[in-house]
Amino acid sequence: MNVAQFAAVVLVAGTASACNSGGQAAGPQHFLEDALKGDNSEMMLGRMAAQSAASPELRAYGQTLYDDHARALEQATRAARQAGVHITDQPMPEAVEERRKLAGLRGRDFDREFASYMVEDHKKDIAEFEKQAAKGGPAGQLAKDTLPVLRKHLAMAERLKGADRP
């Protein structure tokens, strides 16, 4: 990225309005903040599944989530620093709520809930990343680069969710 591109990113990030749940498009700053929180969330829940899931497949999936999102977090952190976005180690509020829910579950109940949450969460994430990828710029490039991994995670979660049916 050259100096002019970096200046444009900082200007856009500094003036972008934050997305709210009313369907407004997220600016690059908000997208990067959410990407950081999303990676923190997936690492937190992935570690939990790797340690607590009943099925070996789900434990392996949890470890894959942790590993892949640790790498994604490094990329998101670099992009956020370039754009002047505050780096956070906080997860998304909905992931904290899911962690509380999962903490009360054991065995197949844990596995079912975790796989179901991951399917819905990754569908939502993919939609947001696709929107940002279409916008271009450094945040769009990060989104574009991350989409294949998110799609892989969704496909894995769907297989795990389907495998749990009696």
C-alpha atoms as a PDB file:
ATOM      1  CA  MET A   1       0.000   0.000   0.000  1.00  0.00           C
ATOM      2  CA  ASN A   2       1.457   3.360  -0.942  1.00  0.00           C
ATOM      3  CA  VAL A   3       1.249   6.540   1.140  1.00  0.00           C
ATOM      4  CA  ALA A   4      -1.750   7.910  -0.789  1.00  0.00           C
ATOM      5  CA  GLN A   5      -3.687   4.670  -0.329  1.00  0.00           C
ATOM      6  CA  PHE A   6      -2.853   4.596   3.377  1.00  0.00           C
ATOM      7  CA  ALA A   7      -3.965   8.220   3.792  1.00  0.00           C
ATOM      8  CA  ALA A   8      -7.238   7.410   2.039  1.00  0.00           C
ATOM      9  CA  VAL A   9      -7.831   4.426   4.344  1.00  0.00           C
ATOM     10  CA  VAL A  10      -7.186   6.528   7.438  1.00  0.00           C
ATOM     11  CA  LEU A  11      -9.459   9.285   6.150  1.00  0.00           C
ATOM     12  CA  VAL A  12     -12.266   6.871   5.304  1.00  0.00           C
ATOM     13  CA  ALA A  13     -11.820   4.947   8.554  1.00  0.00           C
ATOM     14  CA  GLY A  14     -11.796   8.138  10.574  1.00  0.00           C
ATOM     15  CA  THR A  15     -14.972   9.496   9.014  1.00  0.00           C
ATOM     16  CA  ALA A  16     -16.957   6.277   8.567  1.00  0.00           C
ATOM     17  CA  SER A  17     -20.013   5.925  10.716  1.00  0.00           C
ATOM     18  CA  ALA A  18     -20.333   2.773  12.756  1.00  0.00           C
ATOM     19  CA  CYS A  19     -22.765   0.148  11.601  1.00  0.00           C
ATOM     20  CA  ASN A  20     -25.816  -0.452  13.727  1.00  0.00           C
ATOM     21  CA  SER A  21     -28.226  -3.348  13.659  1.00  0.00           C
ATOM     22  CA  GLY A  22     -30.585  -1.314  11.508  1.00  0.00           C
ATOM     23  CA  GLY A  23     -28.944  -2.558   8.331  1.00  0.00           C
ATOM     24  CA  GLN A  24     -26.639   0.334   7.541  1.00  0.00           C
ATOM     25  CA  ALA A  25     -23.453  -0.584   5.716  1.00  0.00           C
ATOM     26  CA  ALA A  26     -20.422  -0.818   7.968  1.00  0.00           C
ATOM     27  CA  GLY A  27     -17.488   1.452   7.287  1.00  0.00           C
ATOM     28  CA  PRO A  28     -14.001  -0.019   7.135  1.00  0.00           C
ATOM     29  CA  GLN A  29     -13.205   1.023  10.725  1.00  0.00           C
ATOM     30  CA  HIS A  30     -16.253  -0.741  12.129  1.00  0.00           C
ATOM     31  CA  PHE A  31     -15.612  -3.777   9.943  1.00  0.00           C
ATOM     32  CA  LEU A  32     -12.029  -4.045  11.208  1.00  0.00           C
ATOM     33  CA  GLU A  33     -13.142  -3.679  14.838  1.00  0.00           C
ATOM     34  CA  ASP A  34     -15.690  -6.444  14.320  1.00  0.00           C
ATOM     35  CA  ALA A  35     -13.142  -8.630  12.518  1.00  0.00           C
ATOM     36  CA  LEU A  36     -10.828  -8.404  15.533  1.00  0.00           C
ATOM     37  CA  LYS A  37     -13.658  -9.210  17.947  1.00  0.00           C
ATOM     38  CA  GLY A  38     -14.844 -12.022  15.684  1.00  0.00           C
ATOM     39  CA  ASP A  39     -11.417 -13.649  15.620  1.00  0.00           C
ATOM     40  CA  ASN A  40     -11.171 -13.310  19.411  1.00  0.00           C
ATOM     41  CA  SER A  41     -14.609 -14.928  19.683  1.00  0.00           C
ATOM     42  CA  GLU A  42     -13.795 -17.877  17.440  1.00  0.00           C
ATOM     43  CA  MET A  43     -10.532 -18.479  19.281  1.00  0.00           C
ATOM     44  CA  MET A  44     -12.336 -18.417  22.649  1.00  0.00           C
ATOM     45  CA  LEU A  45     -15.121 -20.775  21.535  1.00  0.00           C
ATOM     46  CA  GLY A  46     -12.775 -22.947  19.481  1.00  0.00           C
ATOM     47  CA  ARG A  47     -10.560 -23.513  22.527  1.00  0.00           C
ATOM     48  CA  MET A  48     -13.648 -24.376  24.563  1.00  0.00           C
ATOM     49  CA  ALA A  49     -14.777 -26.953  21.988  1.00  0.00           C
ATOM     50  CA  ALA A  50     -11.275 -28.414  21.662  1.00  0.00           C
ATOM     51  CA  GLN A  51     -11.310 -29.038  25.407  1.00  0.00           C
ATOM     52  CA  SER A  52     -14.976 -29.860  26.102  1.00  0.00           C
ATOM     53  CA  ALA A  53     -16.633 -31.416  23.048  1.00  0.00           C
ATOM     54  CA  ALA A  54     -17.730 -35.030  23.316  1.00  0.00           C
ATOM     55  CA  SER A  55     -16.880 -36.039  19.745  1.00  0.00           C
ATOM     56  CA  PRO A  56     -13.296 -36.159  18.527  1.00  0.00           C
ATOM     57  CA  GLU A  57     -14.414 -34.529  15.259  1.00  0.00           C
ATOM     58  CA  LEU A  58     -15.845 -31.547  17.089  1.00  0.00           C
ATOM     59  CA  ARG A  59     -12.736 -31.248  19.276  1.00  0.00           C
ATOM     60  CA  ALA A  60     -10.631 -31.202  16.093  1.00  0.00           C
ATOM     61  CA  TYR A  61     -12.956 -28.585  14.585  1.00  0.00           C
ATOM     62  CA  GLY A  62     -12.548 -26.453  17.695  1.00  0.00           C
ATOM     63  CA  GLN A  63      -8.771 -26.631  17.326  1.00  0.00           C
ATOM     64  CA  THR A  64      -9.048 -25.742  13.625  1.00  0.00           C
ATOM     65  CA  LEU A  65     -11.159 -22.701  14.532  1.00  0.00           C
ATOM     66  CA  TYR A  66      -8.610 -21.627  17.103  1.00  0.00           C
ATOM     67  CA  ASP A  67      -5.633 -22.058  14.780  1.00  0.00           C
ATOM     68  CA  ASP A  68      -7.226 -20.460  11.707  1.00  0.00           C
ATOM     69  CA  HIS A  69      -8.599 -17.486  13.628  1.00  0.00           C
ATOM     70  CA  ALA A  70      -5.267 -16.936  15.390  1.00  0.00           C
ATOM     71  CA  ARG A  71      -3.726 -16.463  11.921  1.00  0.00           C
ATOM     72  CA  ALA A  72      -6.660 -14.299  10.807  1.00  0.00           C
ATOM     73  CA  LEU A  73      -6.276 -12.185  13.945  1.00  0.00           C
ATOM     74  CA  GLU A  74      -2.675 -11.419  12.983  1.00  0.00           C
ATOM     75  CA  GLN A  75      -3.833 -10.212   9.553  1.00  0.00           C
ATOM     76  CA  ALA A  76      -6.737  -8.212  10.979  1.00  0.00           C
ATOM     77  CA  THR A  77      -4.438  -6.625  13.558  1.00  0.00           C
ATOM     78  CA  ARG A  78      -2.021  -5.476  10.849  1.00  0.00           C
ATOM     79  CA  ALA A  79      -4.862  -4.002   8.779  1.00  0.00           C
ATOM     80  CA  ALA A  80      -6.409  -2.339  11.833  1.00  0.00           C
ATOM     81  CA  ARG A  81      -3.092  -0.756  12.853  1.00  0.00           C
ATOM     82  CA  GLN A  82      -2.622   0.616   9.336  1.00  0.00           C
ATOM     83  CA  ALA A  83      -6.097   2.141   9.487  1.00  0.00           C
ATOM     84  CA  GLY A  84      -5.618   3.553  12.987  1.00  0.00           C
ATOM     85  CA  VAL A  85      -8.247   1.258  14.514  1.00  0.00           C
ATOM     86  CA  HIS A  86      -8.033   0.422  18.228  1.00  0.00           C
ATOM     87  CA  ILE A  87      -6.773  -3.129  18.742  1.00  0.00           C
ATOM     88  CA  THR A  88      -8.977  -5.104  21.112  1.00  0.00           C
ATOM     89  CA  ASP A  89      -8.748  -8.496  22.720  1.00  0.00           C
ATOM     90  CA  GLN A  90     -12.488  -8.527  23.463  1.00  0.00           C
ATOM     91  CA  PRO A  91     -14.888 -11.038  21.888  1.00  0.00           C
ATOM     92  CA  MET A  92     -18.313 -10.220  20.475  1.00  0.00           C
ATOM     93  CA  PRO A  93     -21.067 -10.008  23.118  1.00  0.00           C
ATOM     94  CA  GLU A  94     -23.025 -12.816  21.468  1.00  0.00           C
ATOM     95  CA  ALA A  95     -19.972 -15.092  21.721  1.00  0.00           C
ATOM     96  CA  VAL A  96     -19.693 -14.363  25.434  1.00  0.00           C
ATOM     97  CA  GLU A  97     -23.347 -15.321  25.803  1.00  0.00           C
ATOM     98  CA  GLU A  98     -22.740 -18.515  23.809  1.00  0.00           C
ATOM     99  CA  ARG A  99     -19.774 -19.381  26.043  1.00  0.00           C
ATOM    100  CA  ARG A 100     -22.077 -19.059  29.088  1.00  0.00           C
ATOM    101  CA  LYS A 101     -24.641 -21.298  27.420  1.00  0.00           C
ATOM    102  CA  LEU A 102     -22.060 -23.913  26.424  1.00  0.00           C
ATOM    103  CA  ALA A 103     -20.558 -23.935  29.924  1.00  0.00           C
ATOM    104  CA  GLY A 104     -23.802 -25.446  31.199  1.00  0.00           C
ATOM    105  CA  LEU A 105     -23.911 -28.226  28.601  1.00  0.00           C
ATOM    106  CA  ARG A 106     -22.167 -31.595  28.404  1.00  0.00           C
ATOM    107  CA  GLY A 107     -21.776 -34.399  25.888  1.00  0.00           C
ATOM    108  CA  ARG A 108     -23.997 -34.426  22.827  1.00  0.00           C
ATOM    109  CA  ASP A 109     -25.920 -31.386  24.078  1.00  0.00           C
ATOM    110  CA  PHE A 110     -22.685 -29.368  24.022  1.00  0.00           C
ATOM    111  CA  ASP A 111     -21.765 -30.699  20.581  1.00  0.00           C
ATOM    112  CA  ARG A 112     -25.195 -29.983  19.083  1.00  0.00           C
ATOM    113  CA  GLU A 113     -25.306 -26.437  20.447  1.00  0.00           C
ATOM    114  CA  PHE A 114     -21.744 -25.654  19.389  1.00  0.00           C
ATOM    115  CA  ALA A 115     -22.195 -26.937  15.825  1.00  0.00           C
ATOM    116  CA  SER A 116     -25.514 -25.140  15.466  1.00  0.00           C
ATOM    117  CA  TYR A 117     -24.061 -21.854  16.728  1.00  0.00           C
ATOM    118  CA  MET A 118     -21.084 -22.153  14.384  1.00  0.00           C
ATOM    119  CA  VAL A 119     -23.325 -22.703  11.358  1.00  0.00           C
ATOM    120  CA  GLU A 120     -25.390 -19.595  12.083  1.00  0.00           C
ATOM    121  CA  ASP A 121     -22.395 -17.491  13.133  1.00  0.00           C
ATOM    122  CA  HIS A 122     -20.398 -18.327  10.020  1.00  0.00           C
ATOM    123  CA  LYS A 123     -23.360 -17.632   7.728  1.00  0.00           C
ATOM    124  CA  LYS A 124     -23.659 -14.176   9.294  1.00  0.00           C
ATOM    125  CA  ASP A 125     -19.904 -13.570   9.100  1.00  0.00           C
ATOM    126  CA  ILE A 126     -19.712 -14.628   5.457  1.00  0.00           C
ATOM    127  CA  ALA A 127     -22.490 -12.194   4.542  1.00  0.00           C
ATOM    128  CA  GLU A 128     -20.666  -9.318   6.268  1.00  0.00           C
ATOM    129  CA  PHE A 129     -17.296 -10.232   4.746  1.00  0.00           C
ATOM    130  CA  GLU A 130     -18.832 -10.477   1.270  1.00  0.00           C
ATOM    131  CA  LYS A 131     -20.279  -6.962   1.647  1.00  0.00           C
ATOM    132  CA  GLN A 132     -16.923  -5.576   2.744  1.00  0.00           C
ATOM    133  CA  ALA A 133     -14.998  -7.455   0.034  1.00  0.00           C
ATOM    134  CA  ALA A 134     -17.180  -5.801  -2.595  1.00  0.00           C
ATOM    135  CA  LYS A 135     -16.200  -2.366  -1.294  1.00  0.00           C
ATOM    136  CA  GLY A 136     -12.505  -2.879  -1.930  1.00  0.00           C
ATOM    137  CA  GLY A 137      -9.721  -1.074  -0.125  1.00  0.00           C
ATOM    138  CA  PRO A 138      -7.534  -2.665   2.558  1.00  0.00           C
ATOM    139  CA  ALA A 139     -10.518  -3.747   4.690  1.00  0.00           C
ATOM    140  CA  GLY A 140     -12.133  -5.215   1.568  1.00  0.00           C
ATOM    141  CA  GLN A 141      -8.944  -7.077   0.727  1.00  0.00           C
ATOM    142  CA  LEU A 142      -8.791  -8.504   4.245  1.00  0.00           C
ATOM    143  CA  ALA A 143     -12.407  -9.639   3.852  1.00  0.00           C
ATOM    144  CA  LYS A 144     -11.685 -11.192   0.454  1.00  0.00           C
ATOM    145  CA  ASP A 145      -8.627 -13.008   1.801  1.00  0.00           C
ATOM    146  CA  THR A 146     -10.565 -14.331   4.816  1.00  0.00           C
ATOM    147  CA  LEU A 147     -13.688 -15.560   3.005  1.00  0.00           C
ATOM    148  CA  PRO A 148     -12.283 -18.961   1.889  1.00  0.00           C
ATOM    149  CA  VAL A 149     -11.453 -19.872   5.494  1.00  0.00           C
ATOM    150  CA  LEU A 150     -14.877 -18.751   6.729  1.00  0.00           C
ATOM    151  CA  ARG A 151     -16.536 -20.840   4.013  1.00  0.00           C
ATOM    152  CA  LYS A 152     -14.413 -23.841   4.998  1.00  0.00           C
ATOM    153  CA  HIS A 153     -15.479 -23.397   8.639  1.00  0.00           C
ATOM    154  CA  LEU A 154     -19.147 -23.183   7.631  1.00  0.00           C
ATOM    155  CA  ALA A 155     -18.930 -26.368   5.558  1.00  0.00           C
ATOM    156  CA  MET A 156     -17.230 -28.190   8.439  1.00  0.00           C
ATOM    157  CA  ALA A 157     -19.862 -26.988  10.938  1.00  0.00           C
ATOM    158  CA  GLU A 158     -22.694 -28.023   8.628  1.00  0.00           C
ATOM    159  CA  ARG A 159     -21.196 -31.525   8.298  1.00  0.00           C
ATOM    160  CA  LEU A 160     -20.799 -31.765  12.075  1.00  0.00           C
ATOM    161  CA  LYS A 161     -24.326 -30.526  12.682  1.00  0.00           C
ATOM    162  CA  GLY A 162     -25.693 -33.034  10.159  1.00  0.00           C
ATOM    163  CA  ALA A 163     -23.626 -35.895  11.590  1.00  0.00           C
ATOM    164  CA  ASP A 164     -25.254 -35.370  14.979  1.00  0.00           C
ATOM    165  CA  ARG A 165     -28.731 -36.263  13.734  1.00  0.00           C
ATOM    166  CA  PRO A 166     -29.995 -39.636  15.036  1.00  0.00           C
END
